[in-house]
Amino acid sequence: MTGDEHQAERLAPLVGRALADADLDAYADLLHPDVRWGAPGDPSPPCQNRAQVLAWYRNGREAGTRARVTETVVAGDRILVGLHVTGTPAEAALGDGSDRWQVLTVRDGMVADIRGFESRDEAAAAAGLQCRDQDRA
């Protein structure tokens, strides 16, 4: 196990707790100063540092968006986070909200990259997970 893989194991429950509690101060402590967040494969994602990621969460929270953490799964130096999101116009149109996934990559003991997915299978593949039934925590 590499250092970043060990750190991902350590960070996963902290990430889950910070997101579940909507505790941006706790989440900030887990984010690399140059963390990047965007769509899979986007070489120039819209969030390119800790302040921008935290502002995105803060703005969503102020607009009424809520997310319930449904799972955290560690795969090497990555953490797959499942979320059930409510409170956005898109989720309101769906009725009961929608499920979303993020893959967080750990470098130097901190979350350095976050990618958002609408499909768990795509997120699991990006995280390097093989079998849906075996990787659920």
N, C-alpha and C. Protein backbone atom coordinates (compact mmCIF):
# COMPACT_ATOMS: atom_id res chain seq x y z
N MET A 1 0.85 -1.18 0.00
CA MET A 1 0.00 0.00 0.00
C MET A 1 0.90 1.24 0.00
N THR A 2 0.63 2.16 -0.94
CA THR A 2 1.41 3.40 -1.00
C THR A 2 0.94 4.37 0.06
N GLY A 3 1.70 5.45 0.22
CA GLY A 3 1.33 6.47 1.19
C GLY A 3 -0.03 7.07 0.90
N ASP A 4 -0.29 7.38 -0.38
CA ASP A 4 -1.59 7.98 -0.73
C ASP A 4 -2.73 6.99 -0.55
N GLU A 5 -2.48 5.69 -0.78
CA GLU A 5 -3.52 4.69 -0.54
C GLU A 5 -3.85 4.62 0.95
N HIS A 6 -2.83 4.65 1.78
CA HIS A 6 -3.03 4.66 3.23
C HIS A 6 -3.79 5.92 3.65
N GLN A 7 -3.42 7.05 3.07
CA GLN A 7 -4.09 8.32 3.40
C GLN A 7 -5.55 8.31 2.94
N ALA A 8 -5.84 7.67 1.80
CA ALA A 8 -7.24 7.57 1.34
C ALA A 8 -8.07 6.80 2.36
N GLU A 9 -7.51 5.72 2.91
CA GLU A 9 -8.21 4.95 3.94
C GLU A 9 -8.48 5.83 5.16
N ARG A 10 -7.52 6.65 5.52
CA ARG A 10 -7.66 7.55 6.68
C ARG A 10 -8.67 8.66 6.40
N LEU A 11 -8.64 9.20 5.17
CA LEU A 11 -9.49 10.36 4.84
C LEU A 11 -10.95 9.99 4.57
N ALA A 12 -11.22 8.80 4.07
CA ALA A 12 -12.58 8.44 3.66
C ALA A 12 -13.63 8.71 4.74
N PRO A 13 -13.45 8.25 5.97
CA PRO A 13 -14.50 8.53 6.97
C PRO A 13 -14.58 10.02 7.32
N LEU A 14 -13.45 10.72 7.25
CA LEU A 14 -13.46 12.16 7.54
C LEU A 14 -14.21 12.92 6.45
N VAL A 15 -13.99 12.54 5.19
CA VAL A 15 -14.72 13.14 4.07
C VAL A 15 -16.21 12.88 4.23
N GLY A 16 -16.56 11.62 4.49
CA GLY A 16 -17.97 11.26 4.65
C GLY A 16 -18.64 12.06 5.75
N ARG A 17 -17.95 12.21 6.86
CA ARG A 17 -18.52 12.95 8.00
C ARG A 17 -18.66 14.43 7.67
N ALA A 18 -17.62 15.03 7.07
CA ALA A 18 -17.67 16.46 6.75
C ALA A 18 -18.80 16.75 5.76
N LEU A 19 -18.96 15.90 4.75
CA LEU A 19 -20.03 16.12 3.78
C LEU A 19 -21.40 15.86 4.40
N ALA A 20 -21.51 14.82 5.20
CA ALA A 20 -22.79 14.51 5.84
C ALA A 20 -23.24 15.63 6.76
N ASP A 21 -22.29 16.24 7.45
CA ASP A 21 -22.59 17.32 8.39
C ASP A 21 -22.61 18.70 7.74
N ALA A 22 -22.29 18.74 6.43
CA ALA A 22 -22.16 20.02 5.72
C ALA A 22 -21.20 20.95 6.47
N ASP A 23 -20.12 20.37 6.97
CA ASP A 23 -19.12 21.09 7.75
C ASP A 23 -17.98 21.53 6.83
N LEU A 24 -18.10 22.73 6.29
CA LEU A 24 -17.10 23.21 5.32
C LEU A 24 -15.74 23.46 5.96
N ASP A 25 -15.71 23.80 7.24
CA ASP A 25 -14.42 23.97 7.90
C ASP A 25 -13.67 22.63 7.97
N ALA A 26 -14.39 21.57 8.33
CA ALA A 26 -13.77 20.25 8.39
C ALA A 26 -13.36 19.79 7.00
N TYR A 27 -14.21 20.05 6.01
CA TYR A 27 -13.89 19.65 4.63
C TYR A 27 -12.67 20.42 4.13
N ALA A 28 -12.59 21.70 4.45
CA ALA A 28 -11.45 22.52 4.02
C ALA A 28 -10.13 21.92 4.49
N ASP A 29 -10.13 21.36 5.70
CA ASP A 29 -8.91 20.77 6.24
C ASP A 29 -8.45 19.54 5.45
N LEU A 30 -9.35 18.94 4.68
CA LEU A 30 -9.03 17.73 3.92
C LEU A 30 -8.62 18.02 2.48
N LEU A 31 -8.87 19.25 2.03
CA LEU A 31 -8.63 19.62 0.64
C LEU A 31 -7.23 20.21 0.44
N HIS A 32 -6.57 19.74 -0.60
CA HIS A 32 -5.29 20.32 -1.01
C HIS A 32 -5.54 21.77 -1.43
N PRO A 33 -4.63 22.69 -1.18
CA PRO A 33 -4.84 24.09 -1.60
C PRO A 33 -5.13 24.23 -3.09
N ASP A 34 -4.55 23.35 -3.91
CA ASP A 34 -4.75 23.42 -5.37
C ASP A 34 -5.70 22.33 -5.87
N VAL A 35 -6.64 21.91 -5.04
CA VAL A 35 -7.61 20.89 -5.45
C VAL A 35 -8.35 21.36 -6.70
N ARG A 36 -8.62 20.42 -7.58
CA ARG A 36 -9.38 20.70 -8.81
C ARG A 36 -10.65 19.88 -8.78
N TRP A 37 -11.75 20.51 -9.26
CA TRP A 37 -13.04 19.83 -9.24
C TRP A 37 -13.78 20.13 -10.54
N GLY A 38 -14.22 19.06 -11.19
CA GLY A 38 -14.97 19.24 -12.41
C GLY A 38 -15.48 17.93 -12.97
N ALA A 39 -15.88 17.98 -14.22
CA ALA A 39 -16.39 16.80 -14.91
C ALA A 39 -15.24 15.86 -15.25
N PRO A 40 -15.54 14.59 -15.41
CA PRO A 40 -14.51 13.64 -15.79
C PRO A 40 -13.83 14.06 -17.10
N GLY A 41 -12.52 14.01 -17.10
CA GLY A 41 -11.77 14.32 -18.31
C GLY A 41 -11.59 15.79 -18.62
N ASP A 42 -12.18 16.68 -17.85
CA ASP A 42 -12.07 18.11 -18.11
C ASP A 42 -10.66 18.58 -17.70
N PRO A 43 -9.84 18.99 -18.66
CA PRO A 43 -8.48 19.41 -18.32
C PRO A 43 -8.42 20.76 -17.62
N SER A 44 -9.50 21.54 -17.71
CA SER A 44 -9.54 22.84 -17.07
C SER A 44 -10.86 22.99 -16.31
N PRO A 45 -10.99 22.26 -15.20
CA PRO A 45 -12.27 22.27 -14.47
C PRO A 45 -12.57 23.64 -13.88
N PRO A 46 -13.85 23.92 -13.62
CA PRO A 46 -14.25 25.23 -13.12
C PRO A 46 -13.71 25.57 -11.73
N CYS A 47 -13.50 24.58 -10.89
CA CYS A 47 -12.91 24.83 -9.56
C CYS A 47 -11.46 24.36 -9.59
N GLN A 48 -10.55 25.30 -9.29
CA GLN A 48 -9.13 24.96 -9.39
C GLN A 48 -8.35 25.26 -8.12
N ASN A 49 -9.07 25.45 -7.01
CA ASN A 49 -8.39 25.60 -5.73
C ASN A 49 -9.41 25.40 -4.60
N ARG A 50 -8.89 25.31 -3.40
CA ARG A 50 -9.73 25.05 -2.22
C ARG A 50 -10.82 26.10 -2.07
N ALA A 51 -10.48 27.37 -2.21
CA ALA A 51 -11.47 28.44 -2.02
C ALA A 51 -12.62 28.31 -3.01
N GLN A 52 -12.34 27.95 -4.25
CA GLN A 52 -13.39 27.81 -5.25
C GLN A 52 -14.30 26.61 -4.95
N VAL A 53 -13.71 25.50 -4.52
CA VAL A 53 -14.51 24.32 -4.16
C VAL A 53 -15.42 24.66 -2.99
N LEU A 54 -14.88 25.28 -1.97
CA LEU A 54 -15.69 25.63 -0.79
C LEU A 54 -16.78 26.64 -1.14
N ALA A 55 -16.47 27.59 -2.02
CA ALA A 55 -17.48 28.57 -2.46
C ALA A 55 -18.62 27.87 -3.19
N TRP A 56 -18.29 26.86 -4.00
CA TRP A 56 -19.33 26.12 -4.73
C TRP A 56 -20.26 25.44 -3.74
N TYR A 57 -19.70 24.77 -2.74
CA TYR A 57 -20.52 24.12 -1.72
C TYR A 57 -21.34 25.14 -0.94
N ARG A 58 -20.72 26.25 -0.54
CA ARG A 58 -21.41 27.29 0.22
C ARG A 58 -22.58 27.87 -0.58
N ASN A 59 -22.34 28.18 -1.85
CA ASN A 59 -23.39 28.74 -2.70
C ASN A 59 -24.54 27.75 -2.86
N GLY A 60 -24.23 26.49 -3.05
CA GLY A 60 -25.28 25.48 -3.17
C GLY A 60 -26.10 25.36 -1.90
N ARG A 61 -25.42 25.36 -0.79
CA ARG A 61 -26.11 25.27 0.52
C ARG A 61 -27.04 26.46 0.71
N GLU A 62 -26.54 27.66 0.40
CA GLU A 62 -27.36 28.87 0.54
C GLU A 62 -28.56 28.84 -0.40
N ALA A 63 -28.43 28.16 -1.53
CA ALA A 63 -29.53 28.06 -2.49
C ALA A 63 -30.51 26.93 -2.14
N GLY A 64 -30.22 26.18 -1.07
CA GLY A 64 -31.14 25.14 -0.64
C GLY A 64 -30.74 23.72 -1.03
N THR A 65 -29.62 23.55 -1.66
CA THR A 65 -29.17 22.21 -2.03
C THR A 65 -28.72 21.46 -0.78
N ARG A 66 -29.14 20.20 -0.71
CA ARG A 66 -28.74 19.33 0.39
C ARG A 66 -28.25 18.01 -0.21
N ALA A 67 -27.31 17.38 0.47
CA ALA A 67 -26.81 16.08 0.01
C ALA A 67 -26.65 15.16 1.21
N ARG A 68 -27.13 13.95 1.03
CA ARG A 68 -26.96 12.90 2.05
C ARG A 68 -25.94 11.92 1.51
N VAL A 69 -24.91 11.64 2.30
CA VAL A 69 -23.88 10.69 1.89
C VAL A 69 -24.47 9.29 1.98
N THR A 70 -24.40 8.55 0.87
CA THR A 70 -24.94 7.19 0.82
C THR A 70 -23.86 6.13 0.91
N GLU A 71 -22.62 6.49 0.58
CA GLU A 71 -21.53 5.53 0.66
C GLU A 71 -20.18 6.23 0.49
N THR A 72 -19.17 5.62 1.04
CA THR A 72 -17.78 5.98 0.75
C THR A 72 -17.04 4.67 0.58
N VAL A 73 -16.31 4.57 -0.53
CA VAL A 73 -15.57 3.35 -0.85
C VAL A 73 -14.16 3.75 -1.26
N VAL A 74 -13.17 3.14 -0.66
CA VAL A 74 -11.78 3.43 -0.98
C VAL A 74 -11.28 2.43 -2.01
N ALA A 75 -10.58 2.94 -3.01
CA ALA A 75 -9.95 2.11 -4.04
C ALA A 75 -8.58 2.70 -4.33
N GLY A 76 -7.57 2.16 -3.70
CA GLY A 76 -6.22 2.69 -3.88
C GLY A 76 -6.12 4.10 -3.32
N ASP A 77 -5.73 5.04 -4.18
CA ASP A 77 -5.61 6.44 -3.75
C ASP A 77 -6.87 7.24 -4.06
N ARG A 78 -7.98 6.55 -4.32
CA ARG A 78 -9.24 7.23 -4.65
C ARG A 78 -10.34 6.86 -3.67
N ILE A 79 -11.27 7.79 -3.51
CA ILE A 79 -12.43 7.58 -2.65
C ILE A 79 -13.66 7.86 -3.50
N LEU A 80 -14.53 6.86 -3.61
CA LEU A 80 -15.81 7.05 -4.29
C LEU A 80 -16.81 7.47 -3.21
N VAL A 81 -17.49 8.59 -3.46
CA VAL A 81 -18.49 9.11 -2.52
C VAL A 81 -19.83 9.13 -3.23
N GLY A 82 -20.81 8.44 -2.66
CA GLY A 82 -22.17 8.47 -3.18
C GLY A 82 -22.98 9.50 -2.43
N LEU A 83 -23.79 10.26 -3.16
CA LEU A 83 -24.60 11.33 -2.57
C LEU A 83 -26.02 11.26 -3.11
N HIS A 84 -26.99 11.51 -2.26
CA HIS A 84 -28.37 11.72 -2.70
C HIS A 84 -28.64 13.21 -2.55
N VAL A 85 -28.86 13.87 -3.67
CA VAL A 85 -28.94 15.33 -3.72
C VAL A 85 -30.39 15.78 -3.86
N THR A 86 -30.77 16.77 -3.06
CA THR A 86 -32.09 17.38 -3.14
C THR A 86 -31.93 18.90 -3.11
N GLY A 87 -32.99 19.59 -3.52
CA GLY A 87 -33.03 21.04 -3.35
C GLY A 87 -32.59 21.86 -4.55
N THR A 88 -32.20 21.22 -5.64
CA THR A 88 -31.87 21.99 -6.84
C THR A 88 -33.05 21.91 -7.80
N PRO A 89 -33.16 22.82 -8.75
CA PRO A 89 -34.26 22.73 -9.72
C PRO A 89 -34.27 21.40 -10.47
N ALA A 90 -33.10 20.88 -10.82
CA ALA A 90 -33.04 19.60 -11.54
C ALA A 90 -33.58 18.47 -10.67
N GLU A 91 -33.20 18.46 -9.39
CA GLU A 91 -33.68 17.42 -8.50
C GLU A 91 -35.17 17.59 -8.23
N ALA A 92 -35.64 18.82 -8.11
CA ALA A 92 -37.07 19.06 -7.89
C ALA A 92 -37.89 18.50 -9.05
N ALA A 93 -37.38 18.63 -10.26
CA ALA A 93 -38.08 18.10 -11.43
C ALA A 93 -38.16 16.58 -11.38
N LEU A 94 -37.20 15.95 -10.72
CA LEU A 94 -37.20 14.49 -10.60
C LEU A 94 -38.07 14.01 -9.44
N GLY A 95 -38.51 14.91 -8.61
CA GLY A 95 -39.38 14.54 -7.49
C GLY A 95 -38.64 14.37 -6.19
N ASP A 96 -37.95 13.28 -6.04
CA ASP A 96 -37.34 12.92 -4.75
C ASP A 96 -35.84 13.18 -4.72
N GLY A 97 -35.31 13.94 -5.64
CA GLY A 97 -33.88 14.15 -5.70
C GLY A 97 -33.22 13.16 -6.63
N SER A 98 -31.91 13.17 -6.63
CA SER A 98 -31.18 12.26 -7.50
C SER A 98 -29.88 11.82 -6.85
N ASP A 99 -29.38 10.71 -7.34
CA ASP A 99 -28.11 10.20 -6.84
C ASP A 99 -26.98 10.71 -7.72
N ARG A 100 -25.88 11.07 -7.07
CA ARG A 100 -24.68 11.55 -7.75
C ARG A 100 -23.49 10.90 -7.08
N TRP A 101 -22.38 10.88 -7.80
CA TRP A 101 -21.16 10.28 -7.25
C TRP A 101 -19.99 11.19 -7.54
N GLN A 102 -19.04 11.16 -6.62
CA GLN A 102 -17.78 11.87 -6.81
C GLN A 102 -16.65 10.88 -6.60
N VAL A 103 -15.58 11.08 -7.36
CA VAL A 103 -14.35 10.33 -7.15
C VAL A 103 -13.29 11.33 -6.73
N LEU A 104 -12.78 11.14 -5.52
CA LEU A 104 -11.77 12.02 -4.95
C LEU A 104 -10.43 11.31 -5.03
N THR A 105 -9.42 12.00 -5.54
CA THR A 105 -8.08 11.44 -5.62
C THR A 105 -7.22 12.08 -4.54
N VAL A 106 -6.50 11.25 -3.81
CA VAL A 106 -5.66 11.71 -2.71
C VAL A 106 -4.21 11.80 -3.18
N ARG A 107 -3.61 12.96 -2.92
CA ARG A 107 -2.18 13.17 -3.16
C ARG A 107 -1.62 13.94 -1.98
N ASP A 108 -0.46 13.55 -1.56
CA ASP A 108 0.21 14.23 -0.44
C ASP A 108 -0.68 14.29 0.81
N GLY A 109 -1.51 13.26 1.00
CA GLY A 109 -2.33 13.17 2.20
C GLY A 109 -3.57 14.03 2.21
N MET A 110 -3.90 14.63 1.05
CA MET A 110 -5.09 15.50 0.98
C MET A 110 -5.87 15.18 -0.30
N VAL A 111 -7.13 15.61 -0.34
CA VAL A 111 -7.93 15.46 -1.55
C VAL A 111 -7.44 16.50 -2.56
N ALA A 112 -6.90 16.01 -3.68
CA ALA A 112 -6.29 16.90 -4.68
C ALA A 112 -7.11 17.01 -5.95
N ASP A 113 -8.05 16.09 -6.17
CA ASP A 113 -8.86 16.12 -7.38
C ASP A 113 -10.22 15.52 -7.07
N ILE A 114 -11.28 16.16 -7.58
CA ILE A 114 -12.65 15.70 -7.39
C ILE A 114 -13.31 15.70 -8.76
N ARG A 115 -13.91 14.58 -9.12
CA ARG A 115 -14.64 14.49 -10.38
C ARG A 115 -16.06 14.03 -10.09
N GLY A 116 -17.04 14.67 -10.75
CA GLY A 116 -18.44 14.36 -10.52
C GLY A 116 -19.01 13.46 -11.60
N PHE A 117 -19.85 12.51 -11.19
CA PHE A 117 -20.45 11.53 -12.10
C PHE A 117 -21.94 11.41 -11.83
N GLU A 118 -22.70 11.15 -12.87
CA GLU A 118 -24.14 10.91 -12.72
C GLU A 118 -24.46 9.43 -12.65
N SER A 119 -23.48 8.58 -12.95
CA SER A 119 -23.65 7.13 -12.93
C SER A 119 -22.66 6.51 -11.97
N ARG A 120 -23.15 5.64 -11.10
CA ARG A 120 -22.25 4.98 -10.17
C ARG A 120 -21.27 4.08 -10.91
N ASP A 121 -21.74 3.42 -11.96
CA ASP A 121 -20.85 2.53 -12.70
C ASP A 121 -19.69 3.30 -13.31
N GLU A 122 -19.96 4.49 -13.86
CA GLU A 122 -18.88 5.30 -14.41
C GLU A 122 -17.92 5.75 -13.31
N ALA A 123 -18.48 6.16 -12.17
CA ALA A 123 -17.65 6.59 -11.05
C ALA A 123 -16.80 5.43 -10.54
N ALA A 124 -17.41 4.26 -10.40
CA ALA A 124 -16.68 3.09 -9.92
C ALA A 124 -15.54 2.74 -10.87
N ALA A 125 -15.80 2.80 -12.16
CA ALA A 125 -14.75 2.51 -13.14
C ALA A 125 -13.62 3.54 -13.02
N ALA A 126 -13.96 4.80 -12.86
CA ALA A 126 -12.95 5.86 -12.71
C ALA A 126 -12.14 5.67 -11.44
N ALA A 127 -12.77 5.13 -10.41
CA ALA A 127 -12.08 4.89 -9.14
C ALA A 127 -11.24 3.62 -9.18
N GLY A 128 -11.46 2.80 -10.21
CA GLY A 128 -10.71 1.55 -10.31
C GLY A 128 -11.39 0.39 -9.61
N LEU A 129 -12.68 0.54 -9.32
CA LEU A 129 -13.43 -0.55 -8.69
C LEU A 129 -13.96 -1.48 -9.78
N GLN A 130 -13.96 -2.76 -9.50
CA GLN A 130 -14.34 -3.74 -10.51
C GLN A 130 -15.79 -4.19 -10.43
N CYS A 131 -16.24 -4.57 -9.26
CA CYS A 131 -17.55 -5.20 -9.14
C CYS A 131 -18.43 -4.41 -8.18
N ARG A 132 -19.57 -4.01 -8.66
CA ARG A 132 -20.50 -3.21 -7.85
C ARG A 132 -20.86 -3.91 -6.54
N ASP A 133 -21.14 -5.21 -6.56
CA ASP A 133 -21.56 -5.89 -5.36
C ASP A 133 -20.46 -6.03 -4.33
N GLN A 134 -19.20 -6.10 -4.76
CA GLN A 134 -18.10 -6.31 -3.83
C GLN A 134 -17.58 -5.02 -3.22
N ASP A 135 -17.85 -3.86 -3.84
CA ASP A 135 -17.21 -2.65 -3.35
C ASP A 135 -18.09 -1.79 -2.47
N ARG A 136 -19.30 -2.16 -2.25
CA ARG A 136 -20.18 -1.37 -1.38
C ARG A 136 -19.74 -1.47 0.06
N ALA A 137 -19.70 -0.32 0.73
CA ALA A 137 -19.31 -0.31 2.14
C ALA A 137 -20.51 -0.09 3.02
